[in-house]
Amino acid sequence: MRIVGADGLEGLSMARLAEAADYTPGALYRYFTSKDALLSRLVQHVLGEVREFLERAAALVPAGAPPLARVFAITQGYRAFAKERPNSFGLLAMTMADPRVLLPGVSDAAPVTERVIATLEVIAQALGAAEEAGQLEPGDVAERTLCLFATLQGLLQLHKQARFAPSVLELDQLTMKGTRALLIGWGARARSVDAALAKVPARSSASLGGVQ
C-alpha cells in the first residue's frame, strides 16, 4: 500500500515489493503468481476494510433512529475510511480512475467483483430499509447505491485540492450535503432528512479506530 501511495500503480512490481519486504522475487511468486494476482488481493483487502468501516459506523446509530440515519452514518463511515486509511483509499481511487482494464483475467477479477457487491450491499440495505419505511419513494436500490457511492468517491478524491480551498471544499460537510441532496431527490422530505441526520452521533477517529 505504501508503494502504491508513493508511486502509483506503475510503481508496484514484484521486484520492488520483494526488495521492500526483504524477500526474493522467486519467494513472492509462491504466494502471488503475477502482479495481477497481487493487485487483486490488495483491492479485495481494501474493500474488506471499507465494509468494516461502513458496518462499524452504521452500528453506532441509536436503536429506534429512522432508517435514513443509517444512510448518513454510512456516509460518515466512508469519510472516516478515507481519512484513516489514506493509502487504501488511494489504491481504490487509482483502480477506479484508471481507464485501463487492470485485471483482465477472470480468476483475478471475479473475486474483486464479489467483494465490491458485498461491500456495496451495506449501502443497499440501508437505502432499502429507508424505502420500506416510506422515507424514500420506490426506486431502483442498486442504481441508488451506485449513485451514492459514486458521489462520495468523487467528492473524497478532492482531498488534495481541499488544501488550497478549505472554505469551499470542506469534505466533511460536502459528503453530508451530497447525501442529503440525493435522498431528497429520491423522495425524502427535507424535514425527515434533517431529523435523521440529527440522530447520527458525531464520529471521531477514536470511535472508528478499532477497525484493523
C-alpha atoms as a PDB file:
ATOM      1  CA  MET A   1       0.000   0.000   0.000  1.00  0.00           C
ATOM      2  CA  ARG A   2       2.844   2.357   0.815  1.00  0.00           C
ATOM      3  CA  ILE A   3       4.480   1.690  -2.565  1.00  0.00           C
ATOM      4  CA  VAL A   4       1.256   2.464  -4.425  1.00  0.00           C
ATOM      5  CA  GLY A   5       0.638   5.522  -2.254  1.00  0.00           C
ATOM      6  CA  ALA A   6       4.076   6.896  -3.074  1.00  0.00           C
ATOM      7  CA  ASP A   7       4.487   5.967  -6.749  1.00  0.00           C
ATOM      8  CA  GLY A   8       1.098   4.852  -8.038  1.00  0.00           C
ATOM      9  CA  LEU A   9       0.188   1.572  -9.660  1.00  0.00           C
ATOM     10  CA  GLU A  10       3.102   1.861 -12.073  1.00  0.00           C
ATOM     11  CA  GLY A  11       5.492   1.834  -9.134  1.00  0.00           C
ATOM     12  CA  LEU A  12       4.228  -1.540  -7.941  1.00  0.00           C
ATOM     13  CA  SER A  13       6.215  -4.500  -9.197  1.00  0.00           C
ATOM     14  CA  MET A  14       7.086  -7.897  -7.824  1.00  0.00           C
ATOM     15  CA  ALA A  15      10.773  -6.944  -7.738  1.00  0.00           C
ATOM     16  CA  ARG A  16      10.098  -3.699  -5.841  1.00  0.00           C
ATOM     17  CA  LEU A  17       7.834  -5.456  -3.385  1.00  0.00           C
ATOM     18  CA  ALA A  18      10.357  -8.230  -2.836  1.00  0.00           C
ATOM     19  CA  GLU A  19      13.016  -5.671  -2.007  1.00  0.00           C
ATOM     20  CA  ALA A  20      10.745  -3.767   0.381  1.00  0.00           C
ATOM     21  CA  ALA A  21       9.620  -6.950   2.145  1.00  0.00           C
ATOM     22  CA  ASP A  22      13.124  -8.465   2.230  1.00  0.00           C
ATOM     23  CA  TYR A  23      12.063 -11.402   0.066  1.00  0.00           C
ATOM     24  CA  THR A  24      13.465 -12.745  -3.153  1.00  0.00           C
ATOM     25  CA  PRO A  25      11.174 -12.301  -6.180  1.00  0.00           C
ATOM     26  CA  GLY A  26      11.066 -16.071  -6.550  1.00  0.00           C
ATOM     27  CA  ALA A  27       9.781 -16.439  -2.989  1.00  0.00           C
ATOM     28  CA  LEU A  28       6.977 -13.936  -3.627  1.00  0.00           C
ATOM     29  CA  TYR A  29       5.780 -15.886  -6.643  1.00  0.00           C
ATOM     30  CA  ARG A  30       4.990 -18.746  -4.281  1.00  0.00           C
ATOM     31  CA  TYR A  31       2.200 -16.554  -2.883  1.00  0.00           C
ATOM     32  CA  PHE A  32       1.204 -14.449  -5.899  1.00  0.00           C
ATOM     33  CA  THR A  33       1.516 -15.901  -9.378  1.00  0.00           C
ATOM     34  CA  SER A  34       1.607 -12.459 -11.023  1.00  0.00           C
ATOM     35  CA  LYS A  35       1.312  -8.740 -10.403  1.00  0.00           C
ATOM     36  CA  ASP A  36      -2.362  -9.020 -11.372  1.00  0.00           C
ATOM     37  CA  ALA A  37      -2.899 -11.598  -8.637  1.00  0.00           C
ATOM     38  CA  LEU A  38      -1.170  -9.297  -6.154  1.00  0.00           C
ATOM     39  CA  LEU A  39      -3.273  -6.287  -7.184  1.00  0.00           C
ATOM     40  CA  SER A  40      -6.433  -8.368  -6.975  1.00  0.00           C
ATOM     41  CA  ARG A  41      -5.605  -9.371  -3.413  1.00  0.00           C
ATOM     42  CA  LEU A  42      -4.795  -5.783  -2.451  1.00  0.00           C
ATOM     43  CA  VAL A  43      -8.099  -4.468  -3.810  1.00  0.00           C
ATOM     44  CA  GLN A  44     -10.011  -7.242  -2.057  1.00  0.00           C
ATOM     45  CA  HIS A  45      -8.285  -6.310   1.180  1.00  0.00           C
ATOM     46  CA  VAL A  46      -9.178  -2.632   0.763  1.00  0.00           C
ATOM     47  CA  LEU A  47     -12.820  -3.428   0.034  1.00  0.00           C
ATOM     48  CA  GLY A  48     -12.894  -5.534   3.177  1.00  0.00           C
ATOM     49  CA  GLU A  49     -11.627  -2.523   5.108  1.00  0.00           C
ATOM     50  CA  VAL A  50     -14.328  -0.354   3.560  1.00  0.00           C
ATOM     51  CA  ARG A  51     -17.073  -2.761   4.561  1.00  0.00           C
ATOM     52  CA  GLU A  52     -15.789  -2.870   8.151  1.00  0.00           C
ATOM     53  CA  PHE A  53     -15.819   0.923   8.351  1.00  0.00           C
ATOM     54  CA  LEU A  54     -19.347   1.130   6.945  1.00  0.00           C
ATOM     55  CA  GLU A  55     -20.709  -1.555   9.233  1.00  0.00           C
ATOM     56  CA  ARG A  56     -18.990  -0.098  12.297  1.00  0.00           C
ATOM     57  CA  ALA A  57     -20.399   3.367  11.560  1.00  0.00           C
ATOM     58  CA  ALA A  58     -23.913   2.048  10.971  1.00  0.00           C
ATOM     59  CA  ALA A  59     -23.801   0.094  14.228  1.00  0.00           C
ATOM     60  CA  LEU A  60     -23.291   3.330  16.171  1.00  0.00           C
ATOM     61  CA  VAL A  61     -26.728   4.647  15.169  1.00  0.00           C
ATOM     62  CA  PRO A  62     -29.052   4.532  18.208  1.00  0.00           C
ATOM     63  CA  ALA A  63     -31.816   1.949  18.254  1.00  0.00           C
ATOM     64  CA  GLY A  64     -35.078   3.474  17.120  1.00  0.00           C
ATOM     65  CA  ALA A  65     -33.435   6.075  14.891  1.00  0.00           C
ATOM     66  CA  PRO A  66     -35.078   6.480  11.466  1.00  0.00           C
ATOM     67  CA  PRO A  67     -33.598   4.369   8.646  1.00  0.00           C
ATOM     68  CA  LEU A  68     -32.243   7.463   6.917  1.00  0.00           C
ATOM     69  CA  ALA A  69     -29.928   7.965   9.891  1.00  0.00           C
ATOM     70  CA  ARG A  70     -28.146   4.746   8.953  1.00  0.00           C
ATOM     71  CA  VAL A  71     -27.564   6.102   5.446  1.00  0.00           C
ATOM     72  CA  PHE A  72     -25.905   9.202   6.887  1.00  0.00           C
ATOM     73  CA  ALA A  73     -23.865   7.083   9.282  1.00  0.00           C
ATOM     74  CA  ILE A  74     -22.562   5.012   6.382  1.00  0.00           C
ATOM     75  CA  THR A  75     -21.628   8.207   4.585  1.00  0.00           C
ATOM     76  CA  GLN A  76     -19.622   9.263   7.619  1.00  0.00           C
ATOM     77  CA  GLY A  77     -18.088   5.802   7.783  1.00  0.00           C
ATOM     78  CA  TYR A  78     -16.727   6.092   4.272  1.00  0.00           C
ATOM     79  CA  ARG A  79     -15.381   9.553   5.034  1.00  0.00           C
ATOM     80  CA  ALA A  80     -13.620   8.080   8.082  1.00  0.00           C
ATOM     81  CA  PHE A  81     -12.127   5.339   5.919  1.00  0.00           C
ATOM     82  CA  ALA A  82     -10.694   7.912   3.508  1.00  0.00           C
ATOM     83  CA  LYS A  83      -9.162   9.854   6.401  1.00  0.00           C
ATOM     84  CA  GLU A  84      -7.781   6.962   8.407  1.00  0.00           C
ATOM     85  CA  ARG A  85      -6.675   4.674   5.594  1.00  0.00           C
ATOM     86  CA  PRO A  86      -5.263   7.139   3.024  1.00  0.00           C
ATOM     87  CA  ASN A  87      -3.112   4.549   1.233  1.00  0.00           C
ATOM     88  CA  SER A  88      -6.012   2.128   0.991  1.00  0.00           C
ATOM     89  CA  PHE A  89      -8.340   4.863  -0.234  1.00  0.00           C
ATOM     90  CA  GLY A  90      -5.706   5.959  -2.740  1.00  0.00           C
ATOM     91  CA  LEU A  91      -5.352   2.452  -4.148  1.00  0.00           C
ATOM     92  CA  LEU A  92      -9.111   2.154  -4.570  1.00  0.00           C
ATOM     93  CA  ALA A  93      -9.298   5.568  -6.222  1.00  0.00           C
ATOM     94  CA  MET A  94      -6.500   4.699  -8.650  1.00  0.00           C
ATOM     95  CA  THR A  95      -8.044   1.418  -9.713  1.00  0.00           C
ATOM     96  CA  MET A  96     -11.397   3.082 -10.385  1.00  0.00           C
ATOM     97  CA  ALA A  97      -9.980   6.120 -12.177  1.00  0.00           C
ATOM     98  CA  ASP A  98      -7.540   4.269 -14.443  1.00  0.00           C
ATOM     99  CA  PRO A  99      -9.168   3.856 -17.883  1.00  0.00           C
ATOM    100  CA  ARG A 100      -7.316   0.594 -18.480  1.00  0.00           C
ATOM    101  CA  VAL A 101      -8.705  -2.815 -17.569  1.00  0.00           C
ATOM    102  CA  LEU A 102      -6.301  -3.578 -14.753  1.00  0.00           C
ATOM    103  CA  LEU A 103      -7.408  -7.149 -14.105  1.00  0.00           C
ATOM    104  CA  PRO A 104      -8.170  -8.755 -17.471  1.00  0.00           C
ATOM    105  CA  GLY A 105      -8.100 -12.326 -16.167  1.00  0.00           C
ATOM    106  CA  VAL A 106     -11.348 -13.746 -14.799  1.00  0.00           C
ATOM    107  CA  SER A 107      -9.545 -15.525 -11.951  1.00  0.00           C
ATOM    108  CA  ASP A 108      -8.194 -12.182 -10.705  1.00  0.00           C
ATOM    109  CA  ALA A 109     -11.223 -10.008 -11.481  1.00  0.00           C
ATOM    110  CA  ALA A 110     -14.030 -12.265 -10.224  1.00  0.00           C
ATOM    111  CA  PRO A 111     -13.076 -12.154  -6.513  1.00  0.00           C
ATOM    112  CA  VAL A 112     -12.857  -8.360  -6.697  1.00  0.00           C
ATOM    113  CA  THR A 113     -16.325  -8.150  -8.242  1.00  0.00           C
ATOM    114  CA  GLU A 114     -17.733 -10.349  -5.492  1.00  0.00           C
ATOM    115  CA  ARG A 115     -16.123  -8.183  -2.831  1.00  0.00           C
ATOM    116  CA  VAL A 116     -17.466  -4.983  -4.448  1.00  0.00           C
ATOM    117  CA  ILE A 117     -21.002  -6.392  -4.355  1.00  0.00           C
ATOM    118  CA  ALA A 118     -20.609  -7.453  -0.724  1.00  0.00           C
ATOM    119  CA  THR A 119     -19.271  -4.029   0.273  1.00  0.00           C
ATOM    120  CA  LEU A 120     -21.948  -2.017  -1.514  1.00  0.00           C
ATOM    121  CA  GLU A 121     -24.617  -4.281  -0.035  1.00  0.00           C
ATOM    122  CA  VAL A 122     -24.196  -2.357   3.223  1.00  0.00           C
ATOM    123  CA  ILE A 123     -25.346   0.813   1.441  1.00  0.00           C
ATOM    124  CA  ALA A 124     -28.091  -1.014  -0.449  1.00  0.00           C
ATOM    125  CA  GLN A 125     -29.565  -2.451   2.739  1.00  0.00           C
ATOM    126  CA  ALA A 126     -29.728   0.980   4.363  1.00  0.00           C
ATOM    127  CA  LEU A 127     -31.405   2.551   1.335  1.00  0.00           C
ATOM    128  CA  GLY A 128     -33.793  -0.387   1.041  1.00  0.00           C
ATOM    129  CA  ALA A 129     -34.794  -0.060   4.690  1.00  0.00           C
ATOM    130  CA  ALA A 130     -35.484   3.648   4.197  1.00  0.00           C
ATOM    131  CA  GLU A 131     -37.704   2.861   1.226  1.00  0.00           C
ATOM    132  CA  GLU A 132     -39.582   0.149   3.118  1.00  0.00           C
ATOM    133  CA  ALA A 133     -40.194   2.615   5.940  1.00  0.00           C
ATOM    134  CA  GLY A 134     -41.729   5.072   3.475  1.00  0.00           C
ATOM    135  CA  GLN A 135     -38.923   7.597   3.869  1.00  0.00           C
ATOM    136  CA  LEU A 136     -37.945   7.259   0.204  1.00  0.00           C
ATOM    137  CA  GLU A 137     -40.116   6.894  -2.871  1.00  0.00           C
ATOM    138  CA  PRO A 138     -39.936   3.456  -4.527  1.00  0.00           C
ATOM    139  CA  GLY A 139     -36.950   3.163  -6.834  1.00  0.00           C
ATOM    140  CA  ASP A 140     -34.073   1.038  -8.072  1.00  0.00           C
ATOM    141  CA  VAL A 141     -31.978   0.334  -4.969  1.00  0.00           C
ATOM    142  CA  ALA A 142     -28.960  -0.864  -6.949  1.00  0.00           C
ATOM    143  CA  GLU A 143     -28.982   2.306  -9.041  1.00  0.00           C
ATOM    144  CA  ARG A 144     -29.296   4.487  -5.957  1.00  0.00           C
ATOM    145  CA  THR A 145     -26.474   2.603  -4.237  1.00  0.00           C
ATOM    146  CA  LEU A 146     -24.132   3.228  -7.136  1.00  0.00           C
ATOM    147  CA  CYS A 147     -25.127   6.907  -7.329  1.00  0.00           C
ATOM    148  CA  LEU A 148     -24.471   7.451  -3.622  1.00  0.00           C
ATOM    149  CA  PHE A 149     -21.145   5.618  -3.672  1.00  0.00           C
ATOM    150  CA  ALA A 150     -20.000   7.459  -6.810  1.00  0.00           C
ATOM    151  CA  THR A 151     -20.935  10.799  -5.228  1.00  0.00           C
ATOM    152  CA  LEU A 152     -18.934  10.028  -2.099  1.00  0.00           C
ATOM    153  CA  GLN A 153     -15.962   8.698  -4.045  1.00  0.00           C
ATOM    154  CA  GLY A 154     -15.865  11.706  -6.338  1.00  0.00           C
ATOM    155  CA  LEU A 155     -16.062  14.207  -3.502  1.00  0.00           C
ATOM    156  CA  LEU A 156     -13.455  12.495  -1.352  1.00  0.00           C
ATOM    157  CA  GLN A 157     -10.983  12.355  -4.216  1.00  0.00           C
ATOM    158  CA  LEU A 158     -10.843  16.146  -3.991  1.00  0.00           C
ATOM    159  CA  HIS A 159      -8.859  15.957  -0.767  1.00  0.00           C
ATOM    160  CA  LYS A 160      -5.670  17.316  -2.353  1.00  0.00           C
ATOM    161  CA  GLN A 161      -7.482  20.305  -3.848  1.00  0.00           C
ATOM    162  CA  ALA A 162      -9.166  20.907  -0.487  1.00  0.00           C
ATOM    163  CA  ARG A 163      -5.832  22.041   0.928  1.00  0.00           C
ATOM    164  CA  PHE A 164      -5.938  25.092  -1.312  1.00  0.00           C
ATOM    165  CA  ALA A 165      -9.634  25.924  -0.943  1.00  0.00           C
ATOM    166  CA  PRO A 166     -10.654  24.678   2.517  1.00  0.00           C
ATOM    167  CA  SER A 167     -13.609  27.027   2.797  1.00  0.00           C
ATOM    168  CA  VAL A 168     -15.115  25.693  -0.441  1.00  0.00           C
ATOM    169  CA  LEU A 169     -14.003  22.069  -0.328  1.00  0.00           C
ATOM    170  CA  GLU A 170     -14.941  21.215   3.243  1.00  0.00           C
ATOM    171  CA  LEU A 171     -15.267  17.489   2.619  1.00  0.00           C
ATOM    172  CA  ASP A 172     -16.978  16.546   5.880  1.00  0.00           C
ATOM    173  CA  GLN A 173     -19.815  18.935   5.070  1.00  0.00           C
ATOM    174  CA  LEU A 174     -19.872  18.192   1.353  1.00  0.00           C
ATOM    175  CA  THR A 175     -20.294  14.455   1.852  1.00  0.00           C
ATOM    176  CA  MET A 176     -23.257  15.091   4.152  1.00  0.00           C
ATOM    177  CA  LYS A 177     -24.772  17.692   1.822  1.00  0.00           C
ATOM    178  CA  GLY A 178     -24.303  15.461  -1.207  1.00  0.00           C
ATOM    179  CA  THR A 179     -26.027  12.584   0.591  1.00  0.00           C
ATOM    180  CA  ARG A 180     -28.824  14.905   1.727  1.00  0.00           C
ATOM    181  CA  ALA A 181     -29.423  16.156  -1.829  1.00  0.00           C
ATOM    182  CA  LEU A 182     -29.632  12.632  -3.216  1.00  0.00           C
ATOM    183  CA  LEU A 183     -32.072  11.490  -0.527  1.00  0.00           C
ATOM    184  CA  ILE A 184     -34.353  14.465  -1.142  1.00  0.00           C
ATOM    185  CA  GLY A 185     -34.136  13.782  -4.869  1.00  0.00           C
ATOM    186  CA  TRP A 186     -35.301  10.238  -4.184  1.00  0.00           C
ATOM    187  CA  GLY A 187     -38.410  11.487  -2.438  1.00  0.00           C
ATOM    188  CA  ALA A 188     -37.394  12.044   1.172  1.00  0.00           C
ATOM    189  CA  ARG A 189     -38.868  15.059   2.914  1.00  0.00           C
ATOM    190  CA  ALA A 190     -36.261  17.646   3.862  1.00  0.00           C
ATOM    191  CA  ARG A 191     -37.576  17.748   7.414  1.00  0.00           C
ATOM    192  CA  SER A 192     -37.257  13.958   7.757  1.00  0.00           C
ATOM    193  CA  VAL A 193     -33.761  14.006   6.296  1.00  0.00           C
ATOM    194  CA  ASP A 194     -32.579  16.673   8.726  1.00  0.00           C
ATOM    195  CA  ALA A 195     -34.209  14.874  11.662  1.00  0.00           C
ATOM    196  CA  ALA A 196     -32.416  11.670  10.674  1.00  0.00           C
ATOM    197  CA  LEU A 197     -29.087  13.451  10.400  1.00  0.00           C
ATOM    198  CA  ALA A 198     -29.549  14.840  13.896  1.00  0.00           C
ATOM    199  CA  LYS A 199     -29.812  11.270  15.200  1.00  0.00           C
ATOM    200  CA  VAL A 200     -26.378  10.317  13.870  1.00  0.00           C
ATOM    201  CA  PRO A 201     -23.753  10.571  16.623  1.00  0.00           C
ATOM    202  CA  ALA A 202     -20.658  12.635  15.905  1.00  0.00           C
ATOM    203  CA  ARG A 203     -17.814  10.396  14.804  1.00  0.00           C
ATOM    204  CA  SER A 204     -14.151  10.710  15.514  1.00  0.00           C
ATOM    205  CA  SER A 205     -11.044   8.747  14.682  1.00  0.00           C
ATOM    206  CA  ALA A 206     -11.272   7.215  18.131  1.00  0.00           C
ATOM    207  CA  SER A 207     -14.810   5.910  17.572  1.00  0.00           C
ATOM    208  CA  LEU A 208     -13.782   4.024  14.435  1.00  0.00           C
ATOM    209  CA  GLY A 209     -10.198   3.365  15.356  1.00  0.00           C
ATOM    210  CA  GLY A 210     -10.845  -0.249  16.291  1.00  0.00           C
ATOM    211  CA  VAL A 211     -11.162  -1.266  12.657  1.00  0.00           C
ATOM    212  CA  GLN A 212      -7.975  -3.012  11.554  1.00  0.00           C
END
